[in-house]
Amino acid sequence: MEQLENELDLLIRKLKNSEKFSSEIDTIQNVYPFNRYEYILIRLVEEKILTYEDYLDLRNDYINRNLFLYVFEISAPRGFGDTWGFSHLLSVEPELKRPSRKTDSSYKGQYDLYLPYMGNNIKIEVKGSRAVDRNRPNEPLYMKALSSTSEKDFLMNFQQVKPTCCDVMLWFAVYRDCVKYWVLKNTDIYDLNFSPQHRNAETEIRKDDYKKTDIYEGQVMITRENISSIRKFEVEGRALRQAIIERFES
C-alpha cells in the first residue's frame, strides 16, 4: 500500500491545483465500492495524467505485489489455518493427504497431514502464520500485512507445536506477495527457541532445569532478529515433497 500511495502522490503533484485536490482527498466520504483510490484514479485519467495503459500497469503491479492480501482478511484463526492453509498446501503438493481413522487406526488428531512414502506414512504437523507489522497492534491484519521484502519488524508465532506427535513439521508464512515454507524434522525444534505452552505434563511445575525434550506442547516465536535460525529449513513450494522425505530420513 505504501508503494501505491507514493506512486499516486507523484502523479497527483502533476495536477493543476494539486494542493486543493489533496485536501479534497482527505475529506472525501468512502462508501463501498466508491473510495479515495477510485476518486484519485478517475481524476488522474480525466486530466490525462494517467493513460488507460498506465492505469493497467499500475493495477497489475499492485495485484502482483498483493497476491495474498486477501488471506489477511480472514479473521478467524481456524479459517486461516484449517481452511485456507490446508487447502493451499494440498494444492501446492497434491501428494499430501489428510489423515483419518481409516488411514491410521490410532489417529486422534495428533498430526495434520501425512505423505505416503515407501509403504509408510510420514506424519506431518502443520503450523502457519501471517507476517504483520508488530508495531501496529491495534489495526486490522490487512492494514499491517507485510511484503516479503519489507524491512519492518514482524512477529510470527508458531503455537501448539507438539514434536512427539509427528515425524516432520511443515511451517508456512503468508506475506502480501508470496507464501514461504519451512520443513523441519521433529527433533530440529529443540535447536530453536522452543518454549512451553499449555498442556505440558512434564513441565507443568515449570522447573528451572527442565529440558526442551520434556516439552509436550510449545511455541516458537520468529522475529526479524531470529528468522535466520530457520533459514536453512526454507524450501520452495515445488520442493515440499522432496524436502519432507529428506528431513524424515535425516
Protein backbone atom coordinates (compact mmCIF):
# COMPACT_ATOMS: atom_id res chain seq x y z
CA MET A 1 0.00 0.00 0.00
CA GLU A 2 2.86 2.40 0.79
CA GLN A 3 4.34 1.96 -2.68
CA LEU A 4 0.96 2.64 -4.30
CA GLU A 5 0.49 5.72 -2.12
CA ASN A 6 3.90 7.03 -3.17
CA GLU A 7 3.19 6.41 -6.85
CA LEU A 8 -0.16 8.19 -6.65
CA ASP A 9 1.35 11.12 -4.74
CA LEU A 10 3.85 11.68 -7.54
CA LEU A 11 1.05 11.69 -10.10
CA ILE A 12 -1.17 13.98 -8.02
CA ARG A 13 1.60 16.58 -7.93
CA LYS A 14 1.27 16.88 -11.71
CA LEU A 15 -2.34 18.03 -11.42
CA LYS A 16 -3.37 21.65 -11.63
CA ASN A 17 -4.28 22.83 -8.14
CA SER A 18 -2.76 19.67 -6.71
CA GLU A 19 -2.83 21.04 -3.16
CA LYS A 20 -6.56 21.67 -3.37
CA PHE A 21 -7.14 18.19 -4.71
CA SER A 22 -5.07 16.69 -1.89
CA SER A 23 -7.31 18.47 0.60
CA GLU A 24 -10.38 17.05 -1.14
CA ILE A 25 -8.98 13.53 -0.79
CA ASP A 26 -8.60 13.95 2.97
CA THR A 27 -12.27 14.80 3.37
CA ILE A 28 -13.90 12.54 0.79
CA GLN A 29 -16.51 10.10 2.06
CA ASN A 30 -15.85 6.42 1.36
CA VAL A 31 -18.83 4.15 0.74
CA TYR A 32 -18.24 0.79 -0.92
CA PRO A 33 -17.44 0.42 -3.79
CA PHE A 34 -16.50 4.09 -4.09
CA ASN A 35 -13.36 5.11 -2.23
CA ARG A 36 -10.46 7.55 -2.27
CA TYR A 37 -8.38 5.47 -4.70
CA GLU A 38 -11.18 5.26 -7.25
CA TYR A 39 -11.61 9.05 -6.87
CA ILE A 40 -7.91 9.71 -7.40
CA LEU A 41 -7.60 7.42 -10.42
CA ILE A 42 -10.65 8.86 -12.17
CA ARG A 43 -9.29 12.38 -11.73
CA LEU A 44 -5.85 11.41 -12.99
CA VAL A 45 -7.33 9.79 -16.08
CA GLU A 46 -9.68 12.72 -16.67
CA GLU A 47 -6.77 15.18 -16.53
CA LYS A 48 -4.73 12.90 -18.82
CA ILE A 49 -2.02 12.49 -16.20
CA LEU A 50 -2.66 8.76 -16.30
CA THR A 51 -3.47 6.91 -19.54
CA TYR A 52 -5.58 3.77 -19.60
CA GLU A 53 -2.45 1.73 -20.34
CA ASP A 54 -0.67 3.39 -17.40
CA TYR A 55 -3.65 2.55 -15.21
CA LEU A 56 -3.48 -1.12 -16.26
CA ASP A 57 0.25 -1.23 -15.46
CA LEU A 58 -0.38 0.38 -12.06
CA ARG A 59 -3.18 -2.08 -11.37
CA ASN A 60 -1.24 -5.17 -12.45
CA ASP A 61 1.84 -4.19 -10.46
CA TYR A 62 -0.28 -3.68 -7.34
CA ILE A 63 -2.01 -7.04 -7.78
CA ASN A 64 1.33 -8.82 -8.22
CA ARG A 65 2.61 -7.21 -5.01
CA ASN A 66 -0.53 -8.22 -3.11
CA LEU A 67 -1.50 -11.65 -4.42
CA PHE A 68 -2.16 -12.95 -0.92
CA LEU A 69 -3.52 -9.81 0.73
CA TYR A 70 -6.99 -11.39 0.82
CA VAL A 71 -5.66 -14.02 3.25
CA PHE A 72 -5.15 -11.28 5.85
CA GLU A 73 -8.88 -10.54 5.70
CA ILE A 74 -9.68 -14.00 7.12
CA SER A 75 -10.43 -13.09 10.72
CA ALA A 76 -10.95 -16.49 12.38
CA PRO A 77 -7.68 -18.35 13.18
CA ARG A 78 -9.26 -21.68 12.20
CA GLY A 79 -10.49 -20.16 8.97
CA PHE A 80 -6.92 -19.16 8.18
CA GLY A 81 -5.12 -22.32 9.30
CA ASP A 82 -7.55 -25.22 8.98
CA THR A 83 -9.46 -23.97 5.95
CA TRP A 84 -7.21 -21.78 3.82
CA GLY A 85 -3.88 -23.21 5.00
CA PHE A 86 -4.61 -26.88 4.39
CA SER A 87 -6.32 -26.17 1.07
CA HIS A 88 -3.32 -24.15 -0.06
CA LEU A 89 -0.78 -26.82 0.92
CA LEU A 90 -2.78 -29.59 -0.76
CA SER A 91 -2.91 -27.53 -3.95
CA VAL A 92 0.85 -26.90 -3.82
CA GLU A 93 1.68 -30.57 -3.15
CA PRO A 94 -1.20 -32.90 -4.12
CA GLU A 95 0.52 -35.97 -2.65
CA LEU A 96 -0.06 -34.65 0.85
CA LYS A 97 -3.09 -36.28 2.47
CA ARG A 98 -5.49 -35.58 5.34
CA PRO A 99 -5.31 -38.37 8.00
CA SER A 100 -8.26 -40.28 9.42
CA ARG A 101 -9.01 -43.42 11.42
CA LYS A 102 -9.14 -45.26 8.10
CA THR A 103 -5.51 -44.46 7.34
CA ASP A 104 -4.31 -44.65 10.95
CA SER A 105 -6.39 -46.61 13.50
CA SER A 106 -4.67 -44.73 16.36
CA TYR A 107 -5.34 -41.29 14.88
CA LYS A 108 -6.88 -38.81 17.32
CA GLY A 109 -5.87 -35.52 15.74
CA GLN A 110 -2.24 -35.73 16.84
CA TYR A 111 -0.92 -34.52 13.46
CA ASP A 112 -2.35 -32.69 10.46
CA LEU A 113 -1.20 -34.26 7.20
CA TYR A 114 0.74 -37.28 6.01
CA LEU A 115 2.84 -38.16 3.00
CA PRO A 116 2.73 -41.76 1.71
CA TYR A 117 6.31 -42.97 1.29
CA MET A 118 7.87 -46.41 0.82
CA GLY A 119 4.87 -48.22 2.28
CA ASN A 120 4.71 -45.89 5.31
CA ASN A 121 3.07 -42.59 6.14
CA ILE A 122 5.26 -39.65 7.16
CA LYS A 123 3.29 -37.84 9.88
CA ILE A 124 3.34 -34.06 9.42
CA GLU A 125 2.40 -31.28 11.81
CA VAL A 126 1.41 -28.05 10.04
CA LYS A 127 1.74 -24.58 11.53
CA GLY A 128 1.00 -21.32 9.76
CA SER A 129 1.33 -17.63 10.43
CA ARG A 130 0.85 -14.28 8.70
CA ALA A 131 3.62 -11.69 8.51
CA VAL A 132 2.37 -8.46 10.05
CA ASP A 133 3.89 -5.24 11.32
CA ARG A 134 4.35 -5.83 15.05
CA ASN A 135 4.41 -2.08 15.74
CA ARG A 136 0.77 -1.62 14.66
CA PRO A 137 -1.01 -3.94 17.12
CA ASN A 138 -4.43 -2.31 17.07
CA GLU A 139 -5.01 -2.21 13.32
CA PRO A 140 -6.74 -4.86 11.16
CA LEU A 141 -4.48 -7.57 9.78
CA TYR A 142 -4.90 -6.45 6.17
CA MET A 143 -3.68 -2.95 7.12
CA LYS A 144 -0.47 -4.20 8.73
CA ALA A 145 0.27 -7.05 6.29
CA LEU A 146 3.92 -7.07 5.18
CA SER A 147 5.59 -7.96 1.92
CA SER A 148 8.46 -10.43 1.80
CA THR A 149 10.89 -7.56 1.12
CA SER A 150 9.74 -5.35 3.99
CA GLU A 151 12.32 -4.14 6.49
CA LYS A 152 9.74 -3.62 9.25
CA ASP A 153 9.67 -5.60 12.47
CA PHE A 154 7.36 -8.60 12.45
CA LEU A 155 6.25 -11.40 14.74
CA MET A 156 5.23 -14.88 13.64
CA ASN A 157 4.19 -17.18 16.46
CA PHE A 158 4.03 -20.89 15.67
CA GLN A 159 1.91 -22.23 18.53
CA GLN A 160 0.81 -25.60 19.94
CA VAL A 161 3.83 -27.33 18.46
CA LYS A 162 3.95 -31.00 19.54
CA PRO A 163 7.19 -32.60 18.28
CA THR A 164 6.50 -36.03 19.79
CA CYS A 165 3.31 -36.38 17.71
CA CYS A 166 4.87 -36.10 14.25
CA ASP A 167 7.86 -37.04 12.15
CA VAL A 168 8.19 -33.77 10.25
CA MET A 169 6.95 -30.20 10.71
CA LEU A 170 5.74 -28.06 7.81
CA TRP A 171 5.55 -24.36 8.58
CA PHE A 172 4.25 -21.69 6.24
CA ALA A 173 4.08 -17.91 6.46
CA VAL A 174 1.85 -15.74 4.31
CA TYR A 175 3.15 -12.38 3.08
CA ARG A 176 1.30 -9.88 0.89
CA ASP A 177 3.16 -11.09 -2.19
CA CYS A 178 4.06 -14.72 -1.52
CA VAL A 179 3.97 -17.72 0.79
CA LYS A 180 7.17 -19.08 2.34
CA TYR A 181 7.64 -22.67 3.54
CA TRP A 182 9.94 -24.37 6.04
CA VAL A 183 10.33 -28.12 6.56
CA LEU A 184 11.84 -29.38 9.82
CA LYS A 185 12.45 -32.80 11.30
CA ASN A 186 10.57 -33.03 14.61
CA THR A 187 13.84 -33.01 16.58
CA ASP A 188 15.04 -29.82 14.83
CA ILE A 189 12.68 -27.90 17.09
CA TYR A 190 14.96 -28.43 20.06
CA ASP A 191 17.65 -26.29 18.43
CA LEU A 192 15.26 -23.31 18.26
CA ASN A 193 13.80 -21.01 20.93
CA PHE A 194 11.19 -23.66 21.77
CA SER A 195 9.32 -22.82 24.99
CA PRO A 196 6.46 -24.50 26.93
CA GLN A 197 2.82 -23.75 26.22
CA HIS A 198 -0.44 -25.13 27.65
CA ARG A 199 -0.54 -28.92 28.13
CA ASN A 200 2.92 -29.76 29.45
CA ALA A 201 2.54 -32.63 31.86
CA GLU A 202 6.28 -32.95 32.40
CA THR A 203 6.89 -29.20 32.73
CA GLU A 204 3.65 -28.02 34.34
CA ILE A 205 5.56 -27.26 37.53
CA ARG A 206 7.91 -25.21 35.34
CA LYS A 207 11.10 -26.33 36.99
CA ASP A 208 14.09 -24.18 36.19
CA ASP A 209 16.03 -27.19 34.96
CA TYR A 210 13.50 -28.71 32.54
CA LYS A 211 14.79 -29.82 29.15
CA LYS A 212 13.31 -28.86 25.80
CA THR A 213 12.76 -32.56 25.14
CA ASP A 214 10.41 -32.57 28.17
CA ILE A 215 8.04 -30.13 26.46
CA TYR A 216 4.92 -31.82 25.12
CA GLU A 217 3.34 -28.70 23.62
CA GLY A 218 5.26 -25.50 22.99
CA GLN A 219 5.72 -22.50 20.76
CA VAL A 220 8.38 -20.79 18.66
CA MET A 221 8.33 -17.04 18.09
CA ILE A 222 10.03 -15.89 14.91
CA THR A 223 11.05 -12.25 14.52
CA ARG A 224 13.38 -10.29 12.27
CA GLU A 225 16.10 -10.88 14.86
CA ASN A 226 15.97 -14.68 14.81
CA ILE A 227 14.48 -15.69 11.45
CA SER A 228 17.98 -16.70 10.38
CA SER A 229 17.62 -19.67 12.76
CA ILE A 230 15.13 -21.33 10.38
CA ARG A 231 16.61 -20.14 7.09
CA LYS A 232 18.26 -23.50 6.41
CA PHE A 233 14.84 -25.18 6.54
CA GLU A 234 13.25 -22.89 3.91
CA VAL A 235 12.13 -24.60 0.69
CA GLU A 236 10.24 -23.70 -2.46
CA GLY A 237 6.66 -24.92 -2.78
CA ARG A 238 7.51 -27.24 -5.66
CA ALA A 239 10.17 -28.91 -3.48
CA LEU A 240 7.95 -29.69 -0.48
CA ARG A 241 7.63 -33.42 -1.10
CA GLN A 242 11.36 -33.99 -1.51
CA ALA A 243 12.16 -31.81 1.50
CA ILE A 244 9.71 -33.76 3.69
CA ILE A 245 11.30 -37.05 2.65
CA GLU A 246 14.83 -35.75 3.21
CA ARG A 247 14.03 -34.40 6.68
CA PHE A 248 12.24 -37.64 7.57
CA GLU A 249 15.27 -39.71 6.57
CA SER A 250 17.88 -37.41 8.14
